[in-house]
Amino acid sequence: MKKSASCIFTSINHQIHYAMSFIGGGVEVISFIFLFKALIGFMTSNLIFGINTFANGKFDYISLYHIGIVVTWMLIAAIHQLCMIKFTKFRKRTPWHGYAISLTINCFLLTSFIFVGQYMLTSGVLGSLPTPAITPLIIIGLMFMYIQNYLIKSGGTNYPTTTSVVTTVYVLMTTSLVNYLNHNISKSKRQASLREGLHYLLVLIHFSAGAYITAKLSSHFGFYSLFLMLFILIAVTMNTWFAHSRFICSGSDENLNDKPLK
């Protein structure tokens, strides 16, 4: 069935992608503000911070902090792969099952991140410099962002980007929108380029809005400013479980515009 432009941006897949982009922006800005400029979803920035510190001749915990985040991220990836090998016989009951489970786990992780982070903030654990005491909070945040970026990914929208706004998104958005002006290709291809470009634009808008709102709230509420993100995540999770249940009851996906996780 041919998809209409009006349906594409209202499918459950796009709702997941935009909601996760909004949430990702909030979590990233909180980690930047309170976790000593650590971006728990962008490992390259942490690597650069670590290398710069080493280059300045410092070899204490502060210098190892950002490198440690990268190493922990890789360990999480390795553990995930080992689990995939161990549980190869696990079969999802519906194509939505994987999304629903991943989102549910992230609800618990984000809740833990909020309360542990606020406790550390108010009790003075999060001082002027990073210490080993904040390691549990970092691990919780990294697990949350790993699941978001590598299990939930783009929410099944079939566009090559995760919910984190990386450099590729800007390039893909610009090239897609400019390609719409190319009259040497068919009208259908131009329309497809326009839809893809608008999709990336919406990802950027949601991520930026989440980061901006959370940054403004953080000065008053600290980690509790992420409660808005948590409520949105819970709503998206429930909606995905409902889609999972409807799939079981009907024996097929009721919304042909939705593309569940493979």
Protein backbone atom coordinates (compact mmCIF):
# COMPACT_ATOMS: atom_id res chain seq x y z
CA MET A 1 0.00 0.00 0.00
CA LYS A 2 1.31 3.45 -0.88
CA LYS A 3 2.07 5.60 2.12
CA SER A 4 0.80 9.14 2.19
CA ALA A 5 2.98 11.96 3.48
CA SER A 6 0.42 12.81 6.15
CA CYS A 7 0.58 9.29 7.61
CA ILE A 8 4.34 8.88 7.63
CA PHE A 9 5.01 11.40 10.38
CA THR A 10 2.18 10.15 12.62
CA SER A 11 3.08 6.45 12.67
CA ILE A 12 4.14 4.81 15.93
CA ASN A 13 7.64 4.49 14.48
CA HIS A 14 7.98 8.25 14.07
CA GLN A 15 6.40 8.89 17.47
CA ILE A 16 9.07 6.69 19.04
CA HIS A 17 11.87 8.37 17.08
CA TYR A 18 10.85 11.94 17.86
CA ALA A 19 10.06 11.18 21.51
CA MET A 20 13.43 9.47 21.94
CA SER A 21 15.16 12.44 20.28
CA PHE A 22 13.45 14.81 22.71
CA ILE A 23 14.39 12.61 25.68
CA GLY A 24 17.94 12.15 24.39
CA GLY A 25 18.45 15.90 24.23
CA GLY A 26 17.36 16.26 27.85
CA VAL A 27 19.55 13.45 29.16
CA GLU A 28 22.58 14.68 27.21
CA VAL A 29 22.34 18.25 28.49
CA ILE A 30 21.94 17.04 32.09
CA SER A 31 25.02 14.86 31.74
CA PHE A 32 26.94 17.82 30.28
CA ILE A 33 25.87 20.19 33.07
CA PHE A 34 26.24 17.93 36.10
CA LEU A 35 28.63 15.18 35.02
CA PHE A 36 31.61 17.38 34.22
CA LYS A 37 30.95 17.92 30.51
CA ALA A 38 30.51 14.20 29.85
CA LEU A 39 28.21 13.44 26.93
CA ILE A 40 27.01 9.93 27.68
CA GLY A 41 25.68 9.38 24.18
CA PHE A 42 28.64 10.78 22.22
CA MET A 43 31.81 8.80 22.80
CA THR A 44 33.99 10.83 20.41
CA SER A 45 33.67 13.95 22.56
CA ASN A 46 34.69 11.98 25.66
CA LEU A 47 37.66 10.54 23.79
CA ILE A 48 38.80 14.03 22.78
CA PHE A 49 38.48 15.33 26.36
CA GLY A 50 40.52 12.38 27.60
CA ILE A 51 43.23 12.70 24.97
CA ASN A 52 43.52 16.44 25.60
CA THR A 53 44.00 15.83 29.32
CA PHE A 54 46.68 13.21 28.69
CA ALA A 55 48.40 15.56 26.25
CA ASN A 56 48.67 18.12 29.04
CA GLY A 57 50.59 15.61 31.15
CA LYS A 58 47.88 14.82 33.70
CA PHE A 59 47.46 11.20 34.79
CA ASP A 60 45.02 11.27 37.70
CA TYR A 61 41.37 10.17 38.00
CA ILE A 62 40.22 13.37 36.31
CA SER A 63 42.27 12.52 33.24
CA LEU A 64 40.96 8.94 33.24
CA TYR A 65 37.34 10.02 33.73
CA HIS A 66 36.39 10.60 30.08
CA ILE A 67 38.48 7.69 28.80
CA GLY A 68 36.79 5.50 31.41
CA ILE A 69 33.40 6.46 30.00
CA VAL A 70 34.47 5.26 26.55
CA VAL A 71 35.84 1.99 27.97
CA THR A 72 32.63 1.40 29.95
CA TRP A 73 30.58 2.03 26.80
CA MET A 74 32.57 -0.64 24.97
CA LEU A 75 32.10 -3.07 27.87
CA ILE A 76 28.34 -2.53 27.75
CA ALA A 77 28.43 -3.25 24.00
CA ALA A 78 30.43 -6.44 24.63
CA ILE A 79 28.03 -7.62 27.35
CA HIS A 80 25.09 -6.92 25.06
CA GLN A 81 26.64 -9.00 22.29
CA LEU A 82 27.34 -11.86 24.70
CA CYS A 83 23.71 -11.77 25.83
CA MET A 84 22.59 -11.88 22.20
CA ILE A 85 24.74 -14.98 21.68
CA LYS A 86 23.49 -16.58 24.91
CA PHE A 87 19.80 -16.00 24.22
CA THR A 88 19.71 -16.69 20.49
CA LYS A 89 16.69 -18.94 20.99
CA PHE A 90 14.59 -16.11 22.38
CA ARG A 91 11.73 -15.32 20.01
CA LYS A 92 9.76 -12.09 20.15
CA ARG A 93 6.01 -12.76 20.22
CA THR A 94 5.38 -9.82 17.91
CA PRO A 95 7.61 -7.47 15.92
CA TRP A 96 6.87 -4.81 18.56
CA HIS A 97 8.11 -6.98 21.43
CA GLY A 98 11.74 -5.85 21.21
CA TYR A 99 10.81 -2.17 21.29
CA ALA A 100 8.46 -2.64 24.23
CA ILE A 101 11.05 -4.50 26.31
CA SER A 102 13.80 -1.98 25.52
CA LEU A 103 11.59 0.99 26.35
CA THR A 104 10.46 -0.62 29.62
CA ILE A 105 14.05 -1.23 30.71
CA ASN A 106 14.85 2.39 29.90
CA CYS A 107 11.96 3.57 32.07
CA PHE A 108 13.62 1.92 35.08
CA LEU A 109 17.09 3.17 34.08
CA LEU A 110 15.94 6.76 33.64
CA THR A 111 14.10 6.66 36.97
CA SER A 112 17.28 5.40 38.65
CA PHE A 113 19.37 8.03 36.87
CA ILE A 114 17.07 10.80 38.14
CA PHE A 115 16.94 9.74 41.80
CA VAL A 116 20.58 8.65 42.13
CA GLY A 117 21.73 11.81 40.35
CA GLN A 118 19.61 14.10 42.52
CA TYR A 119 20.84 12.37 45.66
CA MET A 120 24.47 12.81 44.59
CA LEU A 121 23.79 16.43 43.65
CA THR A 122 22.18 17.40 46.96
CA SER A 123 24.53 15.36 49.14
CA GLY A 124 27.66 16.92 47.65
CA VAL A 125 28.94 13.80 45.88
CA LEU A 126 28.88 15.76 42.64
CA GLY A 127 31.50 18.29 43.67
CA SER A 128 33.71 20.48 41.54
CA LEU A 129 35.69 17.54 40.14
CA PRO A 130 34.78 13.94 39.18
CA THR A 131 35.50 11.21 41.73
CA PRO A 132 35.09 7.40 41.67
CA ALA A 133 31.92 7.84 43.77
CA ILE A 134 29.94 8.96 40.71
CA THR A 135 30.75 5.78 38.75
CA PRO A 136 27.35 4.09 39.44
CA LEU A 137 25.51 7.13 38.05
CA ILE A 138 27.69 7.15 34.94
CA ILE A 139 27.05 3.45 34.33
CA ILE A 140 23.27 3.91 34.65
CA GLY A 141 23.35 6.79 32.17
CA LEU A 142 25.52 4.88 29.71
CA MET A 143 23.22 1.85 29.82
CA PHE A 144 20.22 4.10 29.15
CA MET A 145 21.84 5.79 26.16
CA TYR A 146 23.19 2.51 24.77
CA ILE A 147 19.72 0.98 24.73
CA GLN A 148 18.29 4.14 23.21
CA ASN A 149 20.85 4.42 20.43
CA TYR A 150 21.52 0.77 19.59
CA LEU A 151 18.33 -1.15 20.44
CA ILE A 152 15.56 1.40 19.94
CA LYS A 153 17.63 3.20 17.29
CA SER A 154 15.44 5.15 14.83
CA GLY A 155 12.19 3.59 15.96
CA GLY A 156 11.83 1.62 12.73
CA THR A 157 11.55 4.66 10.46
CA ASN A 158 14.12 3.18 8.06
CA TYR A 159 16.17 6.38 8.03
CA PRO A 160 19.91 5.95 8.73
CA THR A 161 20.16 7.85 12.01
CA THR A 162 19.76 7.16 15.71
CA THR A 163 17.87 9.28 18.22
CA SER A 164 21.02 11.20 19.09
CA VAL A 165 21.77 14.16 16.87
CA VAL A 166 25.16 13.43 15.34
CA THR A 167 27.00 15.20 12.53
CA THR A 168 25.53 12.85 9.95
CA VAL A 169 22.01 14.16 10.64
CA TYR A 170 22.91 17.67 9.50
CA VAL A 171 24.42 16.37 6.27
CA LEU A 172 21.53 14.00 5.54
CA MET A 173 18.94 16.71 6.22
CA THR A 174 20.66 19.28 4.02
CA THR A 175 21.31 16.92 1.11
CA SER A 176 17.76 15.58 1.20
CA LEU A 177 16.17 19.02 1.22
CA VAL A 178 18.44 20.32 -1.53
CA ASN A 179 17.79 17.18 -3.59
CA TYR A 180 14.11 18.16 -3.61
CA LEU A 181 15.12 21.05 -5.89
CA ASN A 182 16.65 18.63 -8.39
CA HIS A 183 14.26 18.61 -11.36
CA ASN A 184 16.33 15.97 -13.13
CA ILE A 185 14.72 13.27 -11.02
CA SER A 186 11.09 12.16 -10.92
CA LYS A 187 8.49 13.96 -8.83
CA SER A 188 8.03 10.91 -6.60
CA LYS A 189 11.75 10.83 -5.79
CA ARG A 190 11.72 14.57 -5.08
CA GLN A 191 8.79 14.11 -2.71
CA ALA A 192 10.62 11.24 -0.99
CA SER A 193 13.69 13.47 -0.52
CA LEU A 194 11.51 16.21 0.93
CA ARG A 195 9.89 13.81 3.40
CA GLU A 196 13.28 12.47 4.46
CA GLY A 197 14.69 15.97 4.88
CA LEU A 198 11.70 17.05 6.96
CA HIS A 199 12.11 13.94 9.08
CA TYR A 200 15.71 14.85 9.93
CA LEU A 201 14.63 18.42 10.62
CA LEU A 202 12.04 17.15 13.10
CA VAL A 203 14.68 14.97 14.78
CA LEU A 204 16.88 18.05 15.20
CA ILE A 205 13.99 20.17 16.49
CA HIS A 206 12.90 17.57 19.05
CA PHE A 207 16.47 16.97 20.26
CA SER A 208 17.17 20.71 20.54
CA ALA A 209 13.86 21.39 22.28
CA GLY A 210 14.48 18.63 24.81
CA ALA A 211 17.96 19.96 25.54
CA TYR A 212 16.79 23.58 25.83
CA ILE A 213 13.81 22.89 28.10
CA THR A 214 15.82 20.61 30.37
CA ALA A 215 18.71 23.08 30.58
CA LYS A 216 16.31 25.83 31.69
CA LEU A 217 14.65 23.56 34.27
CA SER A 218 17.93 22.14 35.57
CA SER A 219 18.94 25.37 37.31
CA HIS A 220 15.86 25.03 39.55
CA PHE A 221 15.23 21.29 39.77
CA GLY A 222 18.54 19.58 39.05
CA PHE A 223 18.12 15.99 37.93
CA TYR A 224 14.40 16.23 38.71
CA SER A 225 14.07 18.29 35.53
CA LEU A 226 14.20 14.92 33.72
CA PHE A 227 10.80 13.95 35.11
CA LEU A 228 9.25 15.49 31.99
CA MET A 229 11.35 13.09 29.89
CA LEU A 230 10.38 10.18 32.12
CA PHE A 231 6.65 10.88 31.72
CA ILE A 232 7.03 11.02 27.94
CA LEU A 233 9.04 7.80 27.96
CA ILE A 234 6.37 6.02 30.03
CA ALA A 235 3.65 7.20 27.62
CA VAL A 236 5.61 5.98 24.58
CA THR A 237 6.32 2.67 26.34
CA MET A 238 2.64 2.09 27.11
CA ASN A 239 1.69 2.95 23.53
CA THR A 240 4.22 0.42 22.23
CA TRP A 241 2.92 -2.30 24.55
CA PHE A 242 -0.60 -1.53 23.28
CA ALA A 243 0.64 -1.96 19.71
CA HIS A 244 2.20 -5.25 20.78
CA SER A 245 -1.09 -6.40 22.31
CA ARG A 246 -3.15 -5.33 19.30
CA PHE A 247 -0.78 -7.28 17.06
CA ILE A 248 -1.35 -10.42 19.13
CA CYS A 249 -5.13 -9.97 19.20
CA SER A 250 -5.49 -9.21 15.50
CA GLY A 251 -2.78 -11.50 14.22
CA SER A 252 -1.44 -8.69 12.01
CA ASP A 253 -0.30 -5.11 12.30
CA GLU A 254 -3.36 -2.88 12.19
CA ASN A 255 -1.45 0.15 11.04
CA LEU A 256 0.17 -0.52 7.67
CA ASN A 257 2.17 2.70 8.02
CA ASP A 258 4.01 1.32 11.04
CA LYS A 259 7.12 -0.75 10.52
CA PRO A 260 7.92 -2.73 13.68
CA LEU A 261 11.38 -3.64 14.87
CA LYS A 262 12.89 -6.53 12.96
